């Protein structure tokens, strides 16, 4: 929920070209802290940073892909092909 409050303002100020690399570095730092730090309080803070970073990258790349792809039937060609490939994997094809 923190990501939904922070990300729109951060993206408006800095742009996607800064948000994605910064969030990637933030995620890497959080994973490193979780791996080496013994304090549960510090680990929880690092996990909050990891979650915020994950959502920042995921939502930014998803929105960028949907904006760049040509319009197609349904919610966009990318989403449709993604859904079809999932349906094929689940049905064993």
N, C-alpha and C. Protein backbone atom coordinates (compact mmCIF):
# COMPACT_ATOMS: atom_id res chain seq x y z
N UNK A 1 0.83 -1.18 0.00
CA UNK A 1 0.00 0.00 0.00
C UNK A 1 0.87 1.25 0.00
N UNK A 2 2.05 1.14 0.53
CA UNK A 2 2.96 2.29 0.52
C UNK A 2 3.32 2.67 -0.91
N UNK A 3 3.48 1.66 -1.76
CA UNK A 3 3.84 1.92 -3.15
C UNK A 3 2.79 2.72 -3.89
N UNK A 4 1.51 2.47 -3.63
CA UNK A 4 0.46 3.21 -4.32
C UNK A 4 0.43 4.67 -3.91
N UNK A 5 0.91 4.97 -2.72
CA UNK A 5 0.94 6.35 -2.26
C UNK A 5 2.18 7.10 -2.76
N UNK A 6 3.29 6.40 -2.89
CA UNK A 6 4.56 7.04 -3.20
C UNK A 6 4.87 7.06 -4.70
N UNK A 7 4.55 5.97 -5.40
CA UNK A 7 5.00 5.82 -6.78
C UNK A 7 4.50 6.88 -7.77
N UNK A 8 3.23 7.25 -7.76
CA UNK A 8 2.81 8.26 -8.75
C UNK A 8 3.59 9.57 -8.62
N UNK A 9 3.81 10.02 -7.41
CA UNK A 9 4.57 11.27 -7.21
C UNK A 9 6.03 11.10 -7.62
N UNK A 10 6.60 9.95 -7.27
CA UNK A 10 7.99 9.69 -7.61
C UNK A 10 8.19 9.61 -9.12
N UNK A 11 7.27 8.92 -9.81
CA UNK A 11 7.36 8.81 -11.27
C UNK A 11 7.15 10.16 -11.94
N UNK A 12 6.27 10.98 -11.38
CA UNK A 12 6.03 12.31 -11.96
C UNK A 12 7.25 13.22 -11.79
N UNK A 13 7.94 13.09 -10.67
CA UNK A 13 9.11 13.94 -10.43
C UNK A 13 10.35 13.47 -11.18
N UNK A 14 10.61 12.18 -11.16
CA UNK A 14 11.88 11.66 -11.67
C UNK A 14 11.78 10.98 -13.03
N UNK A 15 10.63 10.41 -13.36
CA UNK A 15 10.48 9.71 -14.63
C UNK A 15 10.82 8.24 -14.51
N UNK A 16 10.36 7.48 -15.48
CA UNK A 16 10.56 6.03 -15.45
C UNK A 16 12.01 5.64 -15.61
N UNK A 17 12.78 6.45 -16.33
CA UNK A 17 14.19 6.16 -16.55
C UNK A 17 15.03 6.21 -15.29
N UNK A 18 14.53 6.87 -14.27
CA UNK A 18 15.24 6.92 -12.99
C UNK A 18 14.62 5.94 -12.00
N UNK A 19 13.31 5.78 -12.04
CA UNK A 19 12.61 4.94 -11.07
C UNK A 19 13.03 3.48 -11.19
N UNK A 20 13.09 2.95 -12.40
CA UNK A 20 13.40 1.52 -12.58
C UNK A 20 14.82 1.19 -12.10
N UNK A 21 15.87 1.91 -12.52
CA UNK A 21 17.20 1.57 -12.00
C UNK A 21 17.34 1.77 -10.49
N UNK A 22 16.73 2.84 -9.97
CA UNK A 22 16.81 3.08 -8.53
C UNK A 22 16.09 1.98 -7.75
N UNK A 23 14.94 1.56 -8.24
CA UNK A 23 14.19 0.50 -7.57
C UNK A 23 14.93 -0.83 -7.67
N UNK A 24 15.61 -1.08 -8.78
CA UNK A 24 16.41 -2.30 -8.92
C UNK A 24 17.54 -2.32 -7.90
N UNK A 25 18.22 -1.20 -7.74
CA UNK A 25 19.29 -1.12 -6.74
C UNK A 25 18.73 -1.22 -5.32
N UNK A 26 17.56 -0.61 -5.09
CA UNK A 26 16.92 -0.72 -3.79
C UNK A 26 16.56 -2.15 -3.44
N UNK A 27 16.07 -2.89 -4.43
CA UNK A 27 15.73 -4.30 -4.21
C UNK A 27 16.98 -5.12 -3.91
N UNK A 28 18.04 -4.88 -4.66
CA UNK A 28 19.29 -5.60 -4.43
C UNK A 28 19.85 -5.32 -3.04
N UNK A 29 19.79 -4.07 -2.62
CA UNK A 29 20.27 -3.73 -1.28
C UNK A 29 19.40 -4.38 -0.20
N UNK A 30 18.10 -4.39 -0.41
CA UNK A 30 17.21 -5.00 0.58
C UNK A 30 17.45 -6.49 0.71
N UNK A 31 17.66 -7.18 -0.42
CA UNK A 31 17.94 -8.62 -0.38
C UNK A 31 19.26 -8.88 0.33
N UNK A 32 20.26 -8.04 0.11
CA UNK A 32 21.54 -8.20 0.80
C UNK A 32 21.38 -8.02 2.31
N UNK A 33 20.59 -7.03 2.71
CA UNK A 33 20.36 -6.80 4.14
C UNK A 33 19.64 -7.98 4.77
N UNK A 34 18.63 -8.49 4.10
CA UNK A 34 17.88 -9.65 4.62
C UNK A 34 18.81 -10.84 4.79
N UNK A 35 19.76 -10.99 3.89
CA UNK A 35 20.65 -12.14 3.96
C UNK A 35 21.70 -12.07 5.05
N UNK A 36 22.07 -10.89 5.49
CA UNK A 36 23.18 -10.80 6.44
C UNK A 36 22.83 -10.19 7.80
N UNK A 37 21.74 -9.50 7.92
CA UNK A 37 21.47 -8.79 9.18
C UNK A 37 20.67 -9.66 10.15
N UNK A 38 21.10 -9.72 11.42
CA UNK A 38 20.41 -10.57 12.39
C UNK A 38 19.17 -9.94 13.03
N UNK A 39 19.02 -8.63 12.95
CA UNK A 39 17.92 -7.95 13.64
C UNK A 39 16.62 -8.07 12.85
N UNK A 40 15.55 -8.58 13.48
CA UNK A 40 14.26 -8.68 12.80
C UNK A 40 13.68 -7.33 12.40
N UNK A 41 13.94 -6.30 13.17
CA UNK A 41 13.41 -4.97 12.85
C UNK A 41 14.03 -4.45 11.56
N UNK A 42 15.33 -4.63 11.43
CA UNK A 42 16.03 -4.18 10.23
C UNK A 42 15.60 -5.01 9.02
N UNK A 43 15.40 -6.31 9.23
CA UNK A 43 14.97 -7.19 8.14
C UNK A 43 13.58 -6.80 7.67
N UNK A 44 12.67 -6.49 8.56
CA UNK A 44 11.31 -6.07 8.17
C UNK A 44 11.37 -4.76 7.38
N UNK A 45 12.21 -3.82 7.83
CA UNK A 45 12.36 -2.56 7.08
C UNK A 45 12.91 -2.83 5.68
N UNK A 46 13.86 -3.75 5.59
CA UNK A 46 14.42 -4.10 4.28
C UNK A 46 13.37 -4.77 3.40
N UNK A 47 12.52 -5.59 3.99
CA UNK A 47 11.46 -6.25 3.21
C UNK A 47 10.42 -5.24 2.71
N UNK A 48 10.16 -4.21 3.48
CA UNK A 48 9.26 -3.14 3.01
C UNK A 48 9.89 -2.44 1.81
N UNK A 49 11.19 -2.16 1.89
CA UNK A 49 11.89 -1.55 0.76
C UNK A 49 11.87 -2.49 -0.45
N UNK A 50 12.06 -3.78 -0.21
CA UNK A 50 12.04 -4.75 -1.32
C UNK A 50 10.66 -4.77 -1.99
N UNK A 51 9.60 -4.76 -1.20
CA UNK A 51 8.25 -4.75 -1.76
C UNK A 51 7.96 -3.49 -2.55
N UNK A 52 8.37 -2.36 -2.02
CA UNK A 52 8.18 -1.09 -2.73
C UNK A 52 8.96 -1.09 -4.04
N UNK A 53 10.18 -1.60 -3.99
CA UNK A 53 11.01 -1.66 -5.21
C UNK A 53 10.40 -2.59 -6.24
N UNK A 54 9.92 -3.73 -5.79
CA UNK A 54 9.32 -4.71 -6.69
C UNK A 54 8.11 -4.11 -7.41
N UNK A 55 7.24 -3.47 -6.65
CA UNK A 55 6.04 -2.87 -7.22
C UNK A 55 6.41 -1.72 -8.16
N UNK A 56 7.43 -0.96 -7.81
CA UNK A 56 7.85 0.15 -8.67
C UNK A 56 8.30 -0.34 -10.04
N UNK A 57 9.12 -1.39 -10.06
CA UNK A 57 9.60 -1.91 -11.34
C UNK A 57 8.46 -2.57 -12.11
N UNK A 58 7.70 -3.39 -11.42
CA UNK A 58 6.63 -4.14 -12.10
C UNK A 58 5.59 -3.21 -12.71
N UNK A 59 5.12 -2.25 -11.95
CA UNK A 59 4.07 -1.37 -12.47
C UNK A 59 4.60 -0.44 -13.55
N UNK A 60 5.82 0.03 -13.41
CA UNK A 60 6.39 0.92 -14.41
C UNK A 60 6.60 0.20 -15.74
N UNK A 61 7.18 -1.00 -15.70
CA UNK A 61 7.41 -1.74 -16.93
C UNK A 61 6.10 -2.19 -17.57
N UNK A 62 5.13 -2.58 -16.77
CA UNK A 62 3.84 -2.99 -17.30
C UNK A 62 3.14 -1.81 -17.99
N UNK A 63 3.13 -0.67 -17.34
CA UNK A 63 2.49 0.51 -17.93
C UNK A 63 3.21 0.94 -19.21
N UNK A 64 4.53 0.88 -19.21
CA UNK A 64 5.30 1.25 -20.40
C UNK A 64 5.01 0.30 -21.55
N UNK A 65 4.95 -1.00 -21.27
CA UNK A 65 4.65 -1.97 -22.32
C UNK A 65 3.26 -1.74 -22.90
N UNK A 66 2.29 -1.47 -22.07
CA UNK A 66 0.94 -1.25 -22.57
C UNK A 66 0.82 0.04 -23.37
N UNK A 67 1.62 1.04 -23.04
CA UNK A 67 1.59 2.28 -23.79
C UNK A 67 2.30 2.15 -25.15
N UNK A 68 3.33 1.32 -25.22
CA UNK A 68 4.11 1.20 -26.44
C UNK A 68 3.54 0.23 -27.46
N UNK A 69 2.78 -0.75 -27.02
CA UNK A 69 2.25 -1.74 -27.94
C UNK A 69 1.08 -1.19 -28.73
N UNK A 70 0.94 -1.63 -29.97
CA UNK A 70 -0.18 -1.14 -30.77
C UNK A 70 -1.51 -1.68 -30.23
N UNK A 71 -2.58 -0.92 -30.42
CA UNK A 71 -3.87 -1.39 -29.94
C UNK A 71 -4.31 -2.64 -30.70
N UNK A 72 -4.96 -3.50 -30.00
CA UNK A 72 -5.46 -4.72 -30.62
C UNK A 72 -6.78 -5.09 -29.99
N UNK A 73 -7.30 -6.24 -30.33
CA UNK A 73 -8.56 -6.66 -29.71
C UNK A 73 -8.36 -6.93 -28.23
N UNK A 74 -9.31 -6.59 -27.45
CA UNK A 74 -9.22 -6.82 -26.01
C UNK A 74 -8.34 -5.78 -25.36
N UNK A 75 -7.74 -6.15 -24.23
CA UNK A 75 -6.96 -5.18 -23.46
C UNK A 75 -5.55 -4.96 -24.00
N UNK A 76 -5.24 -5.34 -25.22
CA UNK A 76 -3.92 -5.13 -25.80
C UNK A 76 -3.29 -6.45 -26.21
N UNK A 77 -2.45 -6.37 -27.20
CA UNK A 77 -1.86 -7.58 -27.75
C UNK A 77 -0.98 -8.30 -26.73
N UNK A 78 -0.22 -7.55 -25.94
CA UNK A 78 0.67 -8.16 -24.96
C UNK A 78 -0.11 -8.94 -23.92
N UNK A 79 -1.14 -8.34 -23.39
CA UNK A 79 -1.94 -9.00 -22.35
C UNK A 79 -2.63 -10.24 -22.93
N UNK A 80 -3.12 -10.13 -24.15
CA UNK A 80 -3.81 -11.26 -24.77
C UNK A 80 -2.86 -12.42 -24.99
N UNK A 81 -1.66 -12.14 -25.51
CA UNK A 81 -0.71 -13.23 -25.75
C UNK A 81 -0.24 -13.83 -24.44
N UNK A 82 -0.10 -13.01 -23.42
CA UNK A 82 0.29 -13.53 -22.11
C UNK A 82 -0.79 -14.45 -21.55
N UNK A 83 -2.04 -14.05 -21.69
CA UNK A 83 -3.14 -14.87 -21.19
C UNK A 83 -3.25 -16.17 -21.96
N UNK A 84 -3.05 -16.10 -23.27
CA UNK A 84 -3.14 -17.32 -24.08
C UNK A 84 -2.03 -18.29 -23.73
N UNK A 85 -0.83 -17.79 -23.49
CA UNK A 85 0.26 -18.70 -23.16
C UNK A 85 0.03 -19.35 -21.80
N UNK A 86 -0.57 -18.61 -20.87
CA UNK A 86 -0.89 -19.23 -19.57
C UNK A 86 -1.96 -20.30 -19.74
N UNK A 87 -2.96 -20.03 -20.57
CA UNK A 87 -4.03 -21.01 -20.79
C UNK A 87 -3.46 -22.26 -21.44
N UNK A 88 -2.54 -22.10 -22.37
CA UNK A 88 -1.92 -23.25 -23.02
C UNK A 88 -1.10 -24.08 -22.05
N UNK A 89 -0.40 -23.44 -21.14
CA UNK A 89 0.39 -24.19 -20.15
C UNK A 89 -0.50 -24.93 -19.18
N UNK A 90 -1.60 -24.33 -18.81
CA UNK A 90 -2.48 -24.99 -17.84
C UNK A 90 -3.23 -26.15 -18.45
N UNK A 91 -3.50 -26.10 -19.74
CA UNK A 91 -4.24 -27.19 -20.37
C UNK A 91 -3.33 -28.31 -20.85
N UNK A 92 -2.02 -28.13 -20.73
CA UNK A 92 -1.08 -29.17 -21.10
C UNK A 92 -0.68 -29.14 -22.56
N UNK A 93 -1.01 -28.09 -23.29
CA UNK A 93 -0.66 -27.99 -24.72
C UNK A 93 0.74 -27.47 -24.91
